[in-house]
PDB file of N, CA and C in Angstrom:
ATOM      1  N   UNK A   1     107.885 129.887 145.877  1.00  0.00           N
ATOM      2  CA  UNK A   1     106.999 129.666 144.752  1.00  0.00           C
ATOM      3  C   UNK A   1     107.785 129.028 143.619  1.00  0.00           C
ATOM      4  N   UNK A   2     107.264 127.948 143.083  1.00  0.00           N
ATOM      5  CA  UNK A   2     107.917 127.275 141.967  1.00  0.00           C
ATOM      6  C   UNK A   2     107.758 128.075 140.684  1.00  0.00           C
ATOM      7  N   UNK A   3     108.633 127.794 139.746  1.00  0.00           N
ATOM      8  CA  UNK A   3     108.528 128.458 138.452  1.00  0.00           C
ATOM      9  C   UNK A   3     107.257 127.988 137.759  1.00  0.00           C
ATOM     10  N   UNK A   4     106.642 128.886 137.049  1.00  0.00           N
ATOM     11  CA  UNK A   4     105.393 128.571 136.349  1.00  0.00           C
ATOM     12  C   UNK A   4     105.589 127.450 135.331  1.00  0.00           C
ATOM     13  N   UNK A   5     106.750 127.413 134.704  1.00  0.00           N
ATOM     14  CA  UNK A   5     107.011 126.397 133.685  1.00  0.00           C
ATOM     15  C   UNK A   5     106.993 125.000 134.294  1.00  0.00           C
ATOM     16  N   UNK A   6     107.525 124.857 135.514  1.00  0.00           N
ATOM     17  CA  UNK A   6     107.534 123.542 136.165  1.00  0.00           C
ATOM     18  C   UNK A   6     106.125 123.094 136.520  1.00  0.00           C
ATOM     19  N   UNK A   7     105.320 124.028 136.967  1.00  0.00           N
ATOM     20  CA  UNK A   7     103.937 123.701 137.318  1.00  0.00           C
ATOM     21  C   UNK A   7     103.149 123.331 136.068  1.00  0.00           C
ATOM     22  N   UNK A   8     103.339 124.070 134.989  1.00  0.00           N
ATOM     23  CA  UNK A   8     102.648 123.773 133.734  1.00  0.00           C
ATOM     24  C   UNK A   8     103.093 122.432 133.155  1.00  0.00           C
ATOM     25  N   UNK A   9     104.375 122.139 133.275  1.00  0.00           N
ATOM     26  CA  UNK A   9     104.885 120.847 132.801  1.00  0.00           C
ATOM     27  C   UNK A   9     104.235 119.697 133.563  1.00  0.00           C
ATOM     28  N   UNK A  10     104.045 119.896 134.872  1.00  0.00           N
ATOM     29  CA  UNK A  10     103.397 118.885 135.698  1.00  0.00           C
ATOM     30  C   UNK A  10     101.942 118.684 135.263  1.00  0.00           C
ATOM     31  N   UNK A  11     101.248 119.773 134.950  1.00  0.00           N
ATOM     32  CA  UNK A  11      99.868 119.677 134.487  1.00  0.00           C
ATOM     33  C   UNK A  11      99.790 118.926 133.161  1.00  0.00           C
ATOM     34  N   UNK A  12     100.756 119.181 132.290  1.00  0.00           N
ATOM     35  CA  UNK A  12     100.806 118.491 131.000  1.00  0.00           C
ATOM     36  C   UNK A  12     101.012 116.992 131.212  1.00  0.00           C
ATOM     37  N   UNK A  13     101.894 116.642 132.152  1.00  0.00           N
ATOM     38  CA  UNK A  13     102.122 115.224 132.464  1.00  0.00           C
ATOM     39  C   UNK A  13     100.849 114.566 132.983  1.00  0.00           C
ATOM     40  N   UNK A  14     100.113 115.277 133.841  1.00  0.00           N
ATOM     41  CA  UNK A  14      98.880 114.726 134.384  1.00  0.00           C
ATOM     42  C   UNK A  14      97.869 114.449 133.280  1.00  0.00           C
ATOM     43  N   UNK A  15      97.783 115.342 132.301  1.00  0.00           N
ATOM     44  CA  UNK A  15      96.879 115.119 131.167  1.00  0.00           C
ATOM     45  C   UNK A  15      97.301 113.895 130.361  1.00  0.00           C
ATOM     46  N   UNK A  16      98.615 113.752 130.126  1.00  0.00           N
ATOM     47  CA  UNK A  16      99.102 112.600 129.366  1.00  0.00           C
ATOM     48  C   UNK A  16      98.869 111.292 130.120  1.00  0.00           C
ATOM     49  N   UNK A  17      99.055 111.306 131.421  1.00  0.00           N
ATOM     50  CA  UNK A  17      98.832 110.098 132.221  1.00  0.00           C
ATOM     51  C   UNK A  17      97.374 109.677 132.111  1.00  0.00           C
ATOM     52  N   UNK A  18      96.464 110.640 132.246  1.00  0.00           N
ATOM     53  CA  UNK A  18      95.037 110.326 132.144  1.00  0.00           C
ATOM     54  C   UNK A  18      94.660 109.836 130.749  1.00  0.00           C
ATOM     55  N   UNK A  19      95.274 110.409 129.733  1.00  0.00           N
ATOM     56  CA  UNK A  19      94.945 110.052 128.352  1.00  0.00           C
ATOM     57  C   UNK A  19      95.380 108.621 128.009  1.00  0.00           C
ATOM     58  N   UNK A  20      96.564 108.218 128.454  1.00  0.00           N
ATOM     59  CA  UNK A  20      97.132 106.929 128.061  1.00  0.00           C
ATOM     60  C   UNK A  20      97.025 105.857 129.148  1.00  0.00           C
ATOM     61  N   UNK A  21      96.325 106.128 130.257  1.00  0.00           N
ATOM     62  CA  UNK A  21      96.289 105.190 131.371  1.00  0.00           C
ATOM     63  C   UNK A  21      95.744 103.821 130.963  1.00  0.00           C
ATOM     64  N   UNK A  22      94.592 103.804 130.319  1.00  0.00           N
ATOM     65  CA  UNK A  22      93.955 102.534 129.943  1.00  0.00           C
ATOM     66  C   UNK A  22      94.814 101.777 128.944  1.00  0.00           C
ATOM     67  N   UNK A  23      95.358 102.479 127.978  1.00  0.00           N
ATOM     68  CA  UNK A  23      96.195 101.850 126.958  1.00  0.00           C
ATOM     69  C   UNK A  23      97.450 101.226 127.580  1.00  0.00           C
ATOM     70  N   UNK A  24      98.075 101.923 128.513  1.00  0.00           N
ATOM     71  CA  UNK A  24      99.266 101.392 129.190  1.00  0.00           C
ATOM     72  C   UNK A  24      98.922 100.161 130.017  1.00  0.00           C
ATOM     73  N   UNK A  25      97.788 100.220 130.734  1.00  0.00           N
ATOM     74  CA  UNK A  25      97.385  99.083 131.561  1.00  0.00           C
ATOM     75  C   UNK A  25      97.100  97.853 130.708  1.00  0.00           C
ATOM     76  N   UNK A  26      96.444  98.043 129.572  1.00  0.00           N
ATOM     77  CA  UNK A  26      96.156  96.905 128.679  1.00  0.00           C
ATOM     78  C   UNK A  26      97.448  96.273 128.161  1.00  0.00           C
ATOM     79  N   UNK A  27      98.397  97.099 127.754  1.00  0.00           N
ATOM     80  CA  UNK A  27      99.672  96.567 127.260  1.00  0.00           C
ATOM     81  C   UNK A  27     100.420  95.816 128.364  1.00  0.00           C
ATOM     82  N   UNK A  28     100.406  96.342 129.579  1.00  0.00           N
ATOM     83  CA  UNK A  28     101.097  95.673 130.685  1.00  0.00           C
ATOM     84  C   UNK A  28     100.455  94.323 131.009  1.00  0.00           C
ATOM     85  N   UNK A  29      99.123  94.262 130.962  1.00  0.00           N
ATOM     86  CA  UNK A  29      98.430  92.991 131.201  1.00  0.00           C
ATOM     87  C   UNK A  29      98.788  91.971 130.116  1.00  0.00           C
ATOM     88  N   UNK A  30      98.832  92.425 128.872  1.00  0.00           N
ATOM     89  CA  UNK A  30      99.184  91.524 127.770  1.00  0.00           C
ATOM     90  C   UNK A  30     100.610  91.018 127.913  1.00  0.00           C
ATOM     91  N   UNK A  31     101.515  91.875 128.357  1.00  0.00           N
ATOM     92  CA  UNK A  31     102.908  91.465 128.544  1.00  0.00           C
ATOM     93  C   UNK A  31     103.002  90.389 129.619  1.00  0.00           C
ATOM     94  N   UNK A  32     102.270  90.561 130.710  1.00  0.00           N
ATOM     95  CA  UNK A  32     102.289  89.561 131.791  1.00  0.00           C
ATOM     96  C   UNK A  32     101.686  88.238 131.344  1.00  0.00           C
ATOM     97  N   UNK A  33     100.635  88.322 130.519  1.00  0.00           N
ATOM     98  CA  UNK A  33      99.927  87.123 130.083  1.00  0.00           C
ATOM     99  C   UNK A  33     100.695  86.333 129.023  1.00  0.00           C
ATOM    100  N   UNK A  34     101.428  87.040 128.201  1.00  0.00           N
ATOM    101  CA  UNK A  34     102.113  86.422 127.057  1.00  0.00           C
ATOM    102  C   UNK A  34     103.241  85.505 127.518  1.00  0.00           C
ATOM    103  N   UNK A  35     103.354  84.358 126.869  1.00  0.00           N
ATOM    104  CA  UNK A  35     104.380  83.389 127.236  1.00  0.00           C
ATOM    105  C   UNK A  35     105.609  83.435 126.341  1.00  0.00           C
ATOM    106  N   UNK A  36     105.403  83.738 125.071  1.00  0.00           N
ATOM    107  CA  UNK A  36     106.528  83.735 124.128  1.00  0.00           C
ATOM    108  C   UNK A  36     107.357  85.005 124.257  1.00  0.00           C
ATOM    109  N   UNK A  37     108.639  84.839 124.167  1.00  0.00           N
ATOM    110  CA  UNK A  37     109.563  85.963 124.319  1.00  0.00           C
ATOM    111  C   UNK A  37     109.414  86.970 123.196  1.00  0.00           C
ATOM    112  N   UNK A  38     109.268  86.491 121.960  1.00  0.00           N
ATOM    113  CA  UNK A  38     109.188  87.402 120.814  1.00  0.00           C
ATOM    114  C   UNK A  38     107.924  88.266 120.887  1.00  0.00           C
ATOM    115  N   UNK A  39     106.833  87.676 121.315  1.00  0.00           N
ATOM    116  CA  UNK A  39     105.587  88.442 121.440  1.00  0.00           C
ATOM    117  C   UNK A  39     105.693  89.466 122.577  1.00  0.00           C
ATOM    118  N   UNK A  40     106.320  89.064 123.679  1.00  0.00           N
ATOM    119  CA  UNK A  40     106.530  90.000 124.793  1.00  0.00           C
ATOM    120  C   UNK A  40     107.372  91.187 124.341  1.00  0.00           C
ATOM    121  N   UNK A  41     108.396  90.871 123.561  1.00  0.00           N
ATOM    122  CA  UNK A  41     109.296  91.914 123.082  1.00  0.00           C
ATOM    123  C   UNK A  41     108.547  92.923 122.220  1.00  0.00           C
ATOM    124  N   UNK A  42     107.664  92.438 121.346  1.00  0.00           N
ATOM    125  CA  UNK A  42     106.887  93.333 120.491  1.00  0.00           C
ATOM    126  C   UNK A  42     105.937  94.206 121.316  1.00  0.00           C
ATOM    127  N   UNK A  43     105.321  93.607 122.347  1.00  0.00           N
ATOM    128  CA  UNK A  43     104.436  94.378 123.203  1.00  0.00           C
ATOM    129  C   UNK A  43     105.205  95.444 123.989  1.00  0.00           C
ATOM    130  N   UNK A  44     106.400  95.096 124.433  1.00  0.00           N
ATOM    131  CA  UNK A  44     107.220  96.064 125.152  1.00  0.00           C
ATOM    132  C   UNK A  44     107.635  97.218 124.246  1.00  0.00           C
ATOM    133  N   UNK A  45     107.871  96.917 122.978  1.00  0.00           N
ATOM    134  CA  UNK A  45     108.197  97.983 122.036  1.00  0.00           C
ATOM    135  C   UNK A  45     107.013  98.927 121.843  1.00  0.00           C
ATOM    136  N   UNK A  46     105.793  98.374 121.820  1.00  0.00           N
ATOM    137  CA  UNK A  46     104.596  99.211 121.721  1.00  0.00           C
ATOM    138  C   UNK A  46     104.473 100.111 122.952  1.00  0.00           C
ATOM    139  N   UNK A  47     104.774  99.540 124.108  1.00  0.00           N
ATOM    140  CA  UNK A  47     104.716 100.310 125.352  1.00  0.00           C
ATOM    141  C   UNK A  47     105.744 101.434 125.352  1.00  0.00           C
ATOM    142  N   UNK A  48     106.912 101.157 124.808  1.00  0.00           N
ATOM    143  CA  UNK A  48     107.970 102.162 124.762  1.00  0.00           C
ATOM    144  C   UNK A  48     107.676 103.284 123.764  1.00  0.00           C
ATOM    145  N   UNK A  49     106.818 103.010 122.788  1.00  0.00           N
ATOM    146  CA  UNK A  49     106.479 104.040 121.801  1.00  0.00           C
ATOM    147  C   UNK A  49     105.503 105.080 122.348  1.00  0.00           C
ATOM    148  N   UNK A  50     104.848 104.754 123.468  1.00  0.00           N
ATOM    149  CA  UNK A  50     103.969 105.740 124.089  1.00  0.00           C
ATOM    150  C   UNK A  50     104.819 106.870 124.661  1.00  0.00           C
ATOM    151  N   UNK A  51     104.245 108.052 124.844  1.00  0.00           N
ATOM    152  CA  UNK A  51     105.021 109.172 125.389  1.00  0.00           C
ATOM    153  C   UNK A  51     105.612 108.847 126.759  1.00  0.00           C
ATOM    154  N   UNK A  52     106.811 109.299 126.984  1.00  0.00           N
ATOM    155  CA  UNK A  52     107.514 109.036 128.244  1.00  0.00           C
ATOM    156  C   UNK A  52     106.758 109.633 129.428  1.00  0.00           C
ATOM    157  N   UNK A  53     106.194 110.814 129.233  1.00  0.00           N
ATOM    158  CA  UNK A  53     105.497 111.487 130.319  1.00  0.00           C
ATOM    159  C   UNK A  53     104.117 110.907 130.606  1.00  0.00           C
ATOM    160  N   UNK A  54     103.706 109.889 129.863  1.00  0.00           N
ATOM    161  CA  UNK A  54     102.404 109.280 130.118  1.00  0.00           C
ATOM    162  C   UNK A  54     102.469 108.239 131.230  1.00  0.00           C
ATOM    163  N   UNK A  55     103.645 108.000 131.770  1.00  0.00           N
ATOM    164  CA  UNK A  55     103.791 107.077 132.892  1.00  0.00           C
ATOM    165  C   UNK A  55     103.509 107.804 134.195  1.00  0.00           C
ATOM    166  N   UNK A  56     102.705 107.183 135.064  1.00  0.00           N
ATOM    167  CA  UNK A  56     102.334 107.840 136.320  1.00  0.00           C
ATOM    168  C   UNK A  56     103.515 107.996 137.263  1.00  0.00           C
ATOM    169  N   UNK A  57     104.577 107.251 137.034  1.00  0.00           N
ATOM    170  CA  UNK A  57     105.774 107.345 137.859  1.00  0.00           C
ATOM    171  C   UNK A  57     106.418 108.724 137.728  1.00  0.00           C
ATOM    172  N   UNK A  58     106.241 109.373 136.596  1.00  0.00           N
ATOM    173  CA  UNK A  58     106.885 110.665 136.359  1.00  0.00           C
ATOM    174  C   UNK A  58     106.144 111.836 137.011  1.00  0.00           C
ATOM    175  N   UNK A  59     104.963 111.564 137.591  1.00  0.00           N
ATOM    176  CA  UNK A  59     104.237 112.623 138.289  1.00  0.00           C
ATOM    177  C   UNK A  59     104.901 112.907 139.628  1.00  0.00           C
ATOM    178  N   UNK A  60     104.820 114.143 140.060  1.00  0.00           N
ATOM    179  CA  UNK A  60     105.407 114.547 141.332  1.00  0.00           C
ATOM    180  C   UNK A  60     104.366 115.336 142.109  1.00  0.00           C
ATOM    181  N   UNK A  61     104.205 115.021 143.383  1.00  0.00           N
ATOM    182  CA  UNK A  61     103.246 115.755 144.205  1.00  0.00           C
ATOM    183  C   UNK A  61     103.734 117.187 144.427  1.00  0.00           C
ATOM    184  N   UNK A  62     102.821 118.133 144.264  1.00  0.00           N
ATOM    185  CA  UNK A  62     103.164 119.539 144.465  1.00  0.00           C
ATOM    186  C   UNK A  62     102.084 120.214 145.295  1.00  0.00           C
ATOM    187  N   UNK A  63     102.500 121.204 146.058  1.00  0.00           N
ATOM    188  CA  UNK A  63     101.596 121.994 146.886  1.00  0.00           C
ATOM    189  C   UNK A  63     100.589 122.722 145.983  1.00  0.00           C
ATOM    190  N   UNK A  64      99.334 122.785 146.426  1.00  0.00           N
ATOM    191  CA  UNK A  64      98.300 123.448 145.632  1.00  0.00           C
ATOM    192  C   UNK A  64      98.519 124.947 145.514  1.00  0.00           C
ATOM    193  N   UNK A  65      99.073 125.558 146.552  1.00  0.00           N
ATOM    194  CA  UNK A  65      99.238 127.007 146.555  1.00  0.00           C
ATOM    195  C   UNK A  65     100.575 127.447 145.967  1.00  0.00           C
ATOM    196  N   UNK A  66     101.659 126.840 146.432  1.00  0.00           N
ATOM    197  CA  UNK A  66     102.979 127.321 146.035  1.00  0.00           C
ATOM    198  C   UNK A  66     103.609 126.504 144.910  1.00  0.00           C
ATOM    199  N   UNK A  67     103.165 125.279 144.713  1.00  0.00           N
ATOM    200  CA  UNK A  67     103.778 124.407 143.716  1.00  0.00           C
ATOM    201  C   UNK A  67     105.050 123.759 144.212  1.00  0.00           C
ATOM    202  N   UNK A  68     105.328 123.889 145.515  1.00  0.00           N
ATOM    203  CA  UNK A  68     106.564 123.356 146.101  1.00  0.00           C
ATOM    204  C   UNK A  68     106.516 121.827 146.094  1.00  0.00           C
ATOM    205  N   UNK A  69     107.578 121.158 145.576  1.00  0.00           N
ATOM    206  CA  UNK A  69     107.557 119.701 145.479  1.00  0.00           C
ATOM    207  C   UNK A  69     108.045 118.984 146.742  1.00  0.00           C
ATOM    208  N   UNK A  70     108.746 119.694 147.607  1.00  0.00           N
ATOM    209  CA  UNK A  70     109.297 119.038 148.795  1.00  0.00           C
ATOM    210  C   UNK A  70     108.526 119.460 150.029  1.00  0.00           C
ATOM    211  N   UNK A  71     108.555 118.622 151.058  1.00  0.00           N
ATOM    212  CA  UNK A  71     107.827 118.913 152.280  1.00  0.00           C
ATOM    213  C   UNK A  71     106.334 118.857 152.046  1.00  0.00           C
ATOM    214  N   UNK A  72     105.883 117.890 151.261  1.00  0.00           N
ATOM    215  CA  UNK A  72     104.491 117.781 150.821  1.00  0.00           C
ATOM    216  C   UNK A  72     103.742 116.802 151.729  1.00  0.00           C
ATOM    217  N   UNK A  73     102.558 117.209 152.201  1.00  0.00           N
ATOM    218  CA  UNK A  73     101.692 116.345 152.998  1.00  0.00           C
ATOM    219  C   UNK A  73     100.515 115.913 152.134  1.00  0.00           C
ATOM    220  N   UNK A  74     100.386 114.608 151.905  1.00  0.00           N
ATOM    221  CA  UNK A  74      99.341 114.098 151.021  1.00  0.00           C
ATOM    222  C   UNK A  74      97.936 114.350 151.562  1.00  0.00           C
ATOM    223  N   UNK A  75      97.785 114.283 152.886  1.00  0.00           N
ATOM    224  CA  UNK A  75      96.454 114.442 153.473  1.00  0.00           C
ATOM    225  C   UNK A  75      95.827 115.784 153.122  1.00  0.00           C
ATOM    226  N   UNK A  76      96.642 116.819 153.033  1.00  0.00           N
ATOM    227  CA  UNK A  76      96.139 118.162 152.783  1.00  0.00           C
ATOM    228  C   UNK A  76      96.494 118.694 151.400  1.00  0.00           C
ATOM    229  N   UNK A  77      97.348 118.009 150.666  1.00  0.00           N
ATOM    230  CA  UNK A  77      97.838 118.460 149.361  1.00  0.00           C
ATOM    231  C   UNK A  77      98.552 119.808 149.489  1.00  0.00           C
ATOM    232  N   UNK A  78      99.252 119.999 150.628  1.00  0.00           N
ATOM    233  CA  UNK A  78      99.950 121.256 150.895  1.00  0.00           C
ATOM    234  C   UNK A  78     101.380 120.988 151.337  1.00  0.00           C
ATOM    235  N   UNK A  79     102.221 122.003 151.179  1.00  0.00           N
ATOM    236  CA  UNK A  79     103.585 121.898 151.685  1.00  0.00           C
ATOM    237  C   UNK A  79     103.585 122.239 153.175  1.00  0.00           C
ATOM    238  N   UNK A  80     104.671 121.943 153.823  1.00  0.00           N
ATOM    239  CA  UNK A  80     104.752 122.129 155.271  1.00  0.00           C
ATOM    240  C   UNK A  80     104.602 123.588 155.671  1.00  0.00           C
ATOM    241  N   UNK A  81     105.038 124.502 154.824  1.00  0.00           N
ATOM    242  CA  UNK A  81     104.920 125.925 155.137  1.00  0.00           C
ATOM    243  C   UNK A  81     103.449 126.356 155.219  1.00  0.00           C
ATOM    244  N   UNK A  82     102.671 125.941 154.245  1.00  0.00           N
ATOM    245  CA  UNK A  82     101.271 126.331 154.222  1.00  0.00           C
ATOM    246  C   UNK A  82     100.463 125.589 155.278  1.00  0.00           C
ATOM    247  N   UNK A  83     100.844 124.355 155.597  1.00  0.00           N
ATOM    248  CA  UNK A  83     100.157 123.633 156.676  1.00  0.00           C
ATOM    249  C   UNK A  83     100.345 124.383 157.982  1.00  0.00           C
ATOM    250  N   UNK A  84     101.544 124.835 158.237  1.00  0.00           N
ATOM    251  CA  UNK A  84     101.827 125.555 159.482  1.00  0.00           C
ATOM    252  C   UNK A  84     101.024 126.845 159.561  1.00  0.00           C
ATOM    253  N   UNK A  85     101.040 127.615 158.483  1.00  0.00           N
ATOM    254  CA  UNK A  85     100.307 128.880 158.476  1.00  0.00           C
ATOM    255  C   UNK A  85      98.808 128.661 158.660  1.00  0.00           C
ATOM    256  N   UNK A  86      98.255 127.721 157.915  1.00  0.00           N
ATOM    257  CA  UNK A  86      96.816 127.493 157.955  1.00  0.00           C
ATOM    258  C   UNK A  86      96.380 126.864 159.274  1.00  0.00           C
ATOM    259  N   UNK A  87      97.221 126.007 159.854  1.00  0.00           N
ATOM    260  CA  UNK A  87      96.886 125.405 161.138  1.00  0.00           C
ATOM    261  C   UNK A  87      96.864 126.463 162.231  1.00  0.00           C
ATOM    262  N   UNK A  88      97.816 127.383 162.205  1.00  0.00           N
ATOM    263  CA  UNK A  88      97.850 128.446 163.210  1.00  0.00           C
ATOM    264  C   UNK A  88      96.657 129.392 163.079  1.00  0.00           C
ATOM    265  N   UNK A  89      96.165 129.565 161.861  1.00  0.00           N
ATOM    266  CA  UNK A  89      94.989 130.411 161.642  1.00  0.00           C
ATOM    267  C   UNK A  89      93.685 129.662 161.882  1.00  0.00           C
ATOM    268  N   UNK A  90      93.769 128.347 162.090  1.00  0.00           N
ATOM    269  CA  UNK A  90      92.573 127.536 162.345  1.00  0.00           C
ATOM    270  C   UNK A  90      91.798 127.184 161.102  1.00  0.00           C
ATOM    271  N   UNK A  91      92.459 127.180 159.950  1.00  0.00           N
ATOM    272  CA  UNK A  91      91.775 126.883 158.686  1.00  0.00           C
ATOM    273  C   UNK A  91      91.741 125.396 158.356  1.00  0.00           C
ATOM    274  N   UNK A  92      92.530 124.589 159.060  1.00  0.00           N
ATOM    275  CA  UNK A  92      92.534 123.143 158.839  1.00  0.00           C
ATOM    276  C   UNK A  92      91.782 122.480 159.990  1.00  0.00           C
ATOM    277  N   UNK A  93      90.637 121.873 159.723  1.00  0.00           N
ATOM    278  CA  UNK A  93      89.855 121.281 160.804  1.00  0.00           C
ATOM    279  C   UNK A  93      90.578 120.087 161.432  1.00  0.00           C
ATOM    280  N   UNK A  94      90.590 120.058 162.748  1.00  0.00           N
ATOM    281  CA  UNK A  94      91.189 118.949 163.477  1.00  0.00           C
ATOM    282  C   UNK A  94      92.687 119.046 163.659  1.00  0.00           C
ATOM    283  N   UNK A  95      93.295 120.117 163.208  1.00  0.00           N
ATOM    284  CA  UNK A  95      94.741 120.283 163.334  1.00  0.00           C
ATOM    285  C   UNK A  95      95.008 121.400 164.318  1.00  0.00           C
ATOM    286  N   UNK A  96      95.864 121.114 165.296  1.00  0.00           N
ATOM    287  CA  UNK A  96      96.244 122.158 166.243  1.00  0.00           C
ATOM    288  C   UNK A  96      97.719 122.018 166.560  1.00  0.00           C
ATOM    289  N   UNK A  97      98.273 123.070 167.048  1.00  0.00           N
ATOM    290  CA  UNK A  97      99.693 123.099 167.372  1.00  0.00           C
ATOM    291  C   UNK A  97      99.962 122.190 168.567  1.00  0.00           C
ATOM    292  N   UNK A  98     100.996 121.394 168.441  1.00  0.00           N
ATOM    293  CA  UNK A  98     101.344 120.476 169.534  1.00  0.00           C
ATOM    294  C   UNK A  98     102.077 121.236 170.631  1.00  0.00           C
ATOM    295  N   UNK A  99     101.770 120.876 171.870  1.00  0.00           N
ATOM    296  CA  UNK A  99     102.503 121.450 173.013  1.00  0.00           C
ATOM    297  C   UNK A  99     102.614 120.384 174.089  1.00  0.00           C
ATOM    298  N   UNK A 100     103.780 120.309 174.708  1.00  0.00           N
ATOM    299  CA  UNK A 100     103.983 119.335 175.774  1.00  0.00           C
ATOM    300  C   UNK A 100     104.907 119.865 176.820  1.00  0.00           C
TER     301      UNK A 100
END
């Protein structure tokens, strides 16, 4: 189980990403469109003034149950430990233990 502070920090980042998403996209489009170096530089400074955690790159996938960041399966939003447990109990439709 991850520390509660790490999970809460991740939730805070998700809120910031959602809040500033449109503003960041508009600034990035303007930077690409702009031809003059000085204008690009000013736009980049505006982009840098936004909160650091508002970038979607800083988000990290975490398990819904444990908050574990590693061994994460995107299809189920779960870590490998919980996928194994739930698959063995038959709680994940279409997933069964492999045998050969």
